[in-house]
Amino acid sequence: RPCSRNKEDAAPSDDYGWRWGEPVEGNHNNVKCRFCGRMIKGGITQLKEHLAAKKENVARCPHVSVEVRKAIAQQLLEYRIEKAAKQRRKEELEERIRLGDRGDYGNSGGDDDDDELTITRRESMRSQVEWEERQCRRARTG
């Protein structure tokens, strides 16, 4: 995003796609393409699809440079890969928590120390996943 923007013109998020689009006043789901001026409905992801010419239901931008098109296409691919990895991590964590609820982590049963250890383990796993998600968001918005 250009540094000269004031708060009224500021993009709704840190997504780098806002370098090539402008939020439409009065409708947070619409974005105006800075290359061709087309109004894109559906938000910043739809704008990136428009610029990368990756979806049939979004018109391809006739004025975007090859470099920008390739950069956005690469970012979209990386995002999809990271999203799939995040989903796998989430499912693995849920499975580990579920197994922990059944006592499959070697808990000897009902005493307070084991319950406290189980709770601490769950909190630690959740904290780890949250940290990984924050790192991924920071890497994407770079």
C-alpha atoms as a PDB file:
ATOM      1  CA  ARG A   1       0.000   0.000   0.000  1.00  0.00           C
ATOM      2  CA  PRO A   2       1.247   3.470  -0.687  1.00  0.00           C
ATOM      3  CA  CYS A   3       2.409   5.300   2.441  1.00  0.00           C
ATOM      4  CA  SER A   4       0.466   8.435   1.508  1.00  0.00           C
ATOM      5  CA  ARG A   5      -2.924   6.950   2.377  1.00  0.00           C
ATOM      6  CA  ASN A   6      -4.800   8.514   5.240  1.00  0.00           C
ATOM      7  CA  LYS A   7      -7.096   6.665   7.659  1.00  0.00           C
ATOM      8  CA  GLU A   8     -10.196   7.202   5.528  1.00  0.00           C
ATOM      9  CA  ASP A   9      -8.455   5.523   2.567  1.00  0.00           C
ATOM     10  CA  ALA A  10      -6.793   2.767   4.588  1.00  0.00           C
ATOM     11  CA  ALA A  11      -7.253  -0.812   3.481  1.00  0.00           C
ATOM     12  CA  PRO A  12      -9.400  -3.024   5.696  1.00  0.00           C
ATOM     13  CA  SER A  13      -6.540  -5.477   6.343  1.00  0.00           C
ATOM     14  CA  ASP A  14      -2.806  -6.015   5.911  1.00  0.00           C
ATOM     15  CA  ASP A  15      -3.367  -8.316   2.915  1.00  0.00           C
ATOM     16  CA  TYR A  16      -0.868  -7.359   0.231  1.00  0.00           C
ATOM     17  CA  GLY A  17      -3.638  -7.559  -2.391  1.00  0.00           C
ATOM     18  CA  TRP A  18      -4.689  -4.080  -1.295  1.00  0.00           C
ATOM     19  CA  ARG A  19      -1.672  -2.729  -3.192  1.00  0.00           C
ATOM     20  CA  TRP A  20      -3.699  -3.300  -6.354  1.00  0.00           C
ATOM     21  CA  GLY A  21      -7.211  -2.613  -5.145  1.00  0.00           C
ATOM     22  CA  GLU A  22      -9.177   0.074  -3.382  1.00  0.00           C
ATOM     23  CA  PRO A  23     -11.990  -0.551  -0.905  1.00  0.00           C
ATOM     24  CA  VAL A  24     -15.357   0.708  -2.107  1.00  0.00           C
ATOM     25  CA  GLU A  25     -16.968   3.157   0.269  1.00  0.00           C
ATOM     26  CA  GLY A  26     -20.221   1.867   1.669  1.00  0.00           C
ATOM     27  CA  ASN A  27     -19.635  -1.776   0.706  1.00  0.00           C
ATOM     28  CA  HIS A  28     -16.793  -3.615   2.411  1.00  0.00           C
ATOM     29  CA  ASN A  29     -17.179  -6.624   0.079  1.00  0.00           C
ATOM     30  CA  ASN A  30     -16.463  -4.668  -3.105  1.00  0.00           C
ATOM     31  CA  VAL A  31     -13.004  -3.730  -4.343  1.00  0.00           C
ATOM     32  CA  LYS A  32     -11.993  -1.528  -7.271  1.00  0.00           C
ATOM     33  CA  CYS A  33      -9.100  -2.816  -9.397  1.00  0.00           C
ATOM     34  CA  ARG A  34      -6.368  -0.178  -9.746  1.00  0.00           C
ATOM     35  CA  PHE A  35      -5.312  -1.563 -13.117  1.00  0.00           C
ATOM     36  CA  CYS A  36      -8.596  -1.615 -15.030  1.00  0.00           C
ATOM     37  CA  GLY A  37     -11.051   0.175 -12.729  1.00  0.00           C
ATOM     38  CA  ARG A  38     -13.438  -2.805 -12.629  1.00  0.00           C
ATOM     39  CA  MET A  39     -15.570  -3.216  -9.524  1.00  0.00           C
ATOM     40  CA  ILE A  40     -14.943  -6.668  -8.053  1.00  0.00           C
ATOM     41  CA  LYS A  41     -17.623  -8.127  -5.793  1.00  0.00           C
ATOM     42  CA  GLY A  42     -16.552 -10.561  -3.117  1.00  0.00           C
ATOM     43  CA  GLY A  43     -13.573  -8.928  -1.454  1.00  0.00           C
ATOM     44  CA  ILE A  44      -9.807  -8.923  -1.754  1.00  0.00           C
ATOM     45  CA  THR A  45      -9.507 -12.624  -2.600  1.00  0.00           C
ATOM     46  CA  GLN A  46     -11.777 -12.137  -5.613  1.00  0.00           C
ATOM     47  CA  LEU A  47      -9.616  -9.182  -6.687  1.00  0.00           C
ATOM     48  CA  LYS A  48      -6.525 -11.381  -6.536  1.00  0.00           C
ATOM     49  CA  GLU A  49      -8.328 -14.049  -8.583  1.00  0.00           C
ATOM     50  CA  HIS A  50      -9.246 -11.292 -11.095  1.00  0.00           C
ATOM     51  CA  LEU A  51      -5.607 -10.179 -11.349  1.00  0.00           C
ATOM     52  CA  ALA A  52      -4.199 -13.717 -11.476  1.00  0.00           C
ATOM     53  CA  ALA A  53      -6.873 -14.810 -14.002  1.00  0.00           C
ATOM     54  CA  LYS A  54      -7.417 -18.008 -12.023  1.00  0.00           C
ATOM     55  CA  LYS A  55     -11.199 -18.404 -11.815  1.00  0.00           C
ATOM     56  CA  GLU A  56     -13.800 -18.707 -14.504  1.00  0.00           C
ATOM     57  CA  ASN A  57     -16.383 -16.728 -12.507  1.00  0.00           C
ATOM     58  CA  VAL A  58     -14.119 -13.663 -12.196  1.00  0.00           C
ATOM     59  CA  ALA A  59     -13.279 -11.617 -15.267  1.00  0.00           C
ATOM     60  CA  ARG A  60      -9.560 -11.477 -16.005  1.00  0.00           C
ATOM     61  CA  CYS A  61      -7.894  -8.063 -15.729  1.00  0.00           C
ATOM     62  CA  PRO A  62      -6.810  -6.857 -19.177  1.00  0.00           C
ATOM     63  CA  HIS A  63      -4.263  -4.328 -17.856  1.00  0.00           C
ATOM     64  CA  VAL A  64      -2.304  -6.132 -15.123  1.00  0.00           C
ATOM     65  CA  SER A  65       1.379  -6.761 -15.827  1.00  0.00           C
ATOM     66  CA  VAL A  66       2.740 -10.276 -16.251  1.00  0.00           C
ATOM     67  CA  GLU A  67       4.952  -9.791 -13.182  1.00  0.00           C
ATOM     68  CA  VAL A  68       2.036  -8.846 -10.934  1.00  0.00           C
ATOM     69  CA  ARG A  69      -0.120 -11.653 -12.380  1.00  0.00           C
ATOM     70  CA  LYS A  70       2.606 -14.220 -11.625  1.00  0.00           C
ATOM     71  CA  ALA A  71       3.296 -12.841  -8.140  1.00  0.00           C
ATOM     72  CA  ILE A  72      -0.368 -12.985  -7.195  1.00  0.00           C
ATOM     73  CA  ALA A  73      -0.806 -16.467  -8.671  1.00  0.00           C
ATOM     74  CA  GLN A  74       2.181 -17.663  -6.609  1.00  0.00           C
ATOM     75  CA  GLN A  75       0.788 -16.066  -3.446  1.00  0.00           C
ATOM     76  CA  LEU A  76      -2.608 -17.688  -4.020  1.00  0.00           C
ATOM     77  CA  LEU A  77      -0.948 -21.077  -4.478  1.00  0.00           C
ATOM     78  CA  GLU A  78       1.124 -20.665  -1.310  1.00  0.00           C
ATOM     79  CA  TYR A  79      -1.991 -19.589   0.589  1.00  0.00           C
ATOM     80  CA  ARG A  80      -3.886 -22.707  -0.521  1.00  0.00           C
ATOM     81  CA  ILE A  81      -0.971 -24.944   0.494  1.00  0.00           C
ATOM     82  CA  GLU A  82      -0.683 -23.256   3.889  1.00  0.00           C
ATOM     83  CA  LYS A  83      -4.449 -23.430   4.407  1.00  0.00           C
ATOM     84  CA  ALA A  84      -4.399 -27.195   3.767  1.00  0.00           C
ATOM     85  CA  ALA A  85      -1.452 -27.617   6.159  1.00  0.00           C
ATOM     86  CA  LYS A  86      -3.252 -25.558   8.796  1.00  0.00           C
ATOM     87  CA  GLN A  87      -6.336 -27.747   8.443  1.00  0.00           C
ATOM     88  CA  ARG A  88      -4.183 -30.876   8.865  1.00  0.00           C
ATOM     89  CA  ARG A  89      -2.557 -29.413  12.004  1.00  0.00           C
ATOM     90  CA  LYS A  90      -5.970 -28.535  13.396  1.00  0.00           C
ATOM     91  CA  GLU A  91      -7.293 -32.044  12.754  1.00  0.00           C
ATOM     92  CA  GLU A  92      -4.183 -33.588  14.333  1.00  0.00           C
ATOM     93  CA  LEU A  93      -4.553 -31.364  17.398  1.00  0.00           C
ATOM     94  CA  GLU A  94      -8.226 -32.230  17.730  1.00  0.00           C
ATOM     95  CA  GLU A  95      -7.351 -35.914  17.492  1.00  0.00           C
ATOM     96  CA  ARG A  96      -4.638 -35.546  20.141  1.00  0.00           C
ATOM     97  CA  ILE A  97      -7.049 -33.712  22.430  1.00  0.00           C
ATOM     98  CA  ARG A  98      -9.719 -36.342  21.832  1.00  0.00           C
ATOM     99  CA  LEU A  99      -7.252 -39.129  22.647  1.00  0.00           C
ATOM    100  CA  GLY A 100      -6.203 -37.236  25.746  1.00  0.00           C
ATOM    101  CA  ASP A 101      -9.834 -37.096  26.860  1.00  0.00           C
ATOM    102  CA  ARG A 102      -9.966 -40.913  26.717  1.00  0.00           C
ATOM    103  CA  GLY A 103      -6.805 -41.221  28.748  1.00  0.00           C
ATOM    104  CA  ASP A 104      -4.742 -42.702  25.908  1.00  0.00           C
ATOM    105  CA  TYR A 105      -1.710 -40.617  26.854  1.00  0.00           C
ATOM    106  CA  GLY A 106      -0.879 -42.928  29.733  1.00  0.00           C
ATOM    107  CA  ASN A 107      -2.899 -41.215  32.443  1.00  0.00           C
ATOM    108  CA  SER A 108      -3.270 -43.567  35.387  1.00  0.00           C
ATOM    109  CA  GLY A 109      -6.768 -42.289  36.036  1.00  0.00           C
ATOM    110  CA  GLY A 110      -8.614 -40.071  38.438  1.00  0.00           C
ATOM    111  CA  ASP A 111      -6.027 -38.304  40.576  1.00  0.00           C
ATOM    112  CA  ASP A 112      -5.701 -34.517  40.539  1.00  0.00           C
ATOM    113  CA  ASP A 113      -2.121 -34.489  39.220  1.00  0.00           C
ATOM    114  CA  ASP A 114      -3.142 -36.409  36.097  1.00  0.00           C
ATOM    115  CA  ASP A 115      -6.121 -34.107  35.503  1.00  0.00           C
ATOM    116  CA  GLU A 116      -3.908 -31.064  35.912  1.00  0.00           C
ATOM    117  CA  LEU A 117      -1.323 -32.524  33.534  1.00  0.00           C
ATOM    118  CA  THR A 118      -4.020 -33.250  30.935  1.00  0.00           C
ATOM    119  CA  ILE A 119      -5.362 -29.692  31.150  1.00  0.00           C
ATOM    120  CA  THR A 120      -1.851 -28.250  30.888  1.00  0.00           C
ATOM    121  CA  ARG A 121      -1.082 -30.469  27.886  1.00  0.00           C
ATOM    122  CA  ARG A 122      -4.251 -29.321  26.073  1.00  0.00           C
ATOM    123  CA  GLU A 123      -3.520 -25.664  26.769  1.00  0.00           C
ATOM    124  CA  SER A 124       0.024 -26.116  25.505  1.00  0.00           C
ATOM    125  CA  MET A 125      -1.173 -27.758  22.280  1.00  0.00           C
ATOM    126  CA  ARG A 126      -3.730 -25.009  21.680  1.00  0.00           C
ATOM    127  CA  SER A 127      -1.114 -22.362  22.366  1.00  0.00           C
ATOM    128  CA  GLN A 128       1.288 -23.996  19.886  1.00  0.00           C
ATOM    129  CA  VAL A 129      -1.344 -24.074  17.123  1.00  0.00           C
ATOM    130  CA  GLU A 130      -2.321 -20.450  17.781  1.00  0.00           C
ATOM    131  CA  TRP A 131       1.344 -19.420  17.615  1.00  0.00           C
ATOM    132  CA  GLU A 132       1.812 -21.300  14.309  1.00  0.00           C
ATOM    133  CA  GLU A 133      -1.289 -19.629  12.860  1.00  0.00           C
ATOM    134  CA  ARG A 134       0.016 -16.177  13.837  1.00  0.00           C
ATOM    135  CA  GLN A 135       3.373 -16.956  12.225  1.00  0.00           C
ATOM    136  CA  CYS A 136       1.634 -18.036   9.008  1.00  0.00           C
ATOM    137  CA  ARG A 137      -0.475 -14.858   8.924  1.00  0.00           C
ATOM    138  CA  ARG A 138       2.633 -12.720   9.451  1.00  0.00           C
ATOM    139  CA  ALA A 139       4.487 -14.551   6.689  1.00  0.00           C
ATOM    140  CA  ARG A 140       1.586 -14.076   4.260  1.00  0.00           C
ATOM    141  CA  THR A 141       1.107 -10.376   4.967  1.00  0.00           C
ATOM    142  CA  GLY A 142       4.898  -9.862   5.065  1.00  0.00           C
END
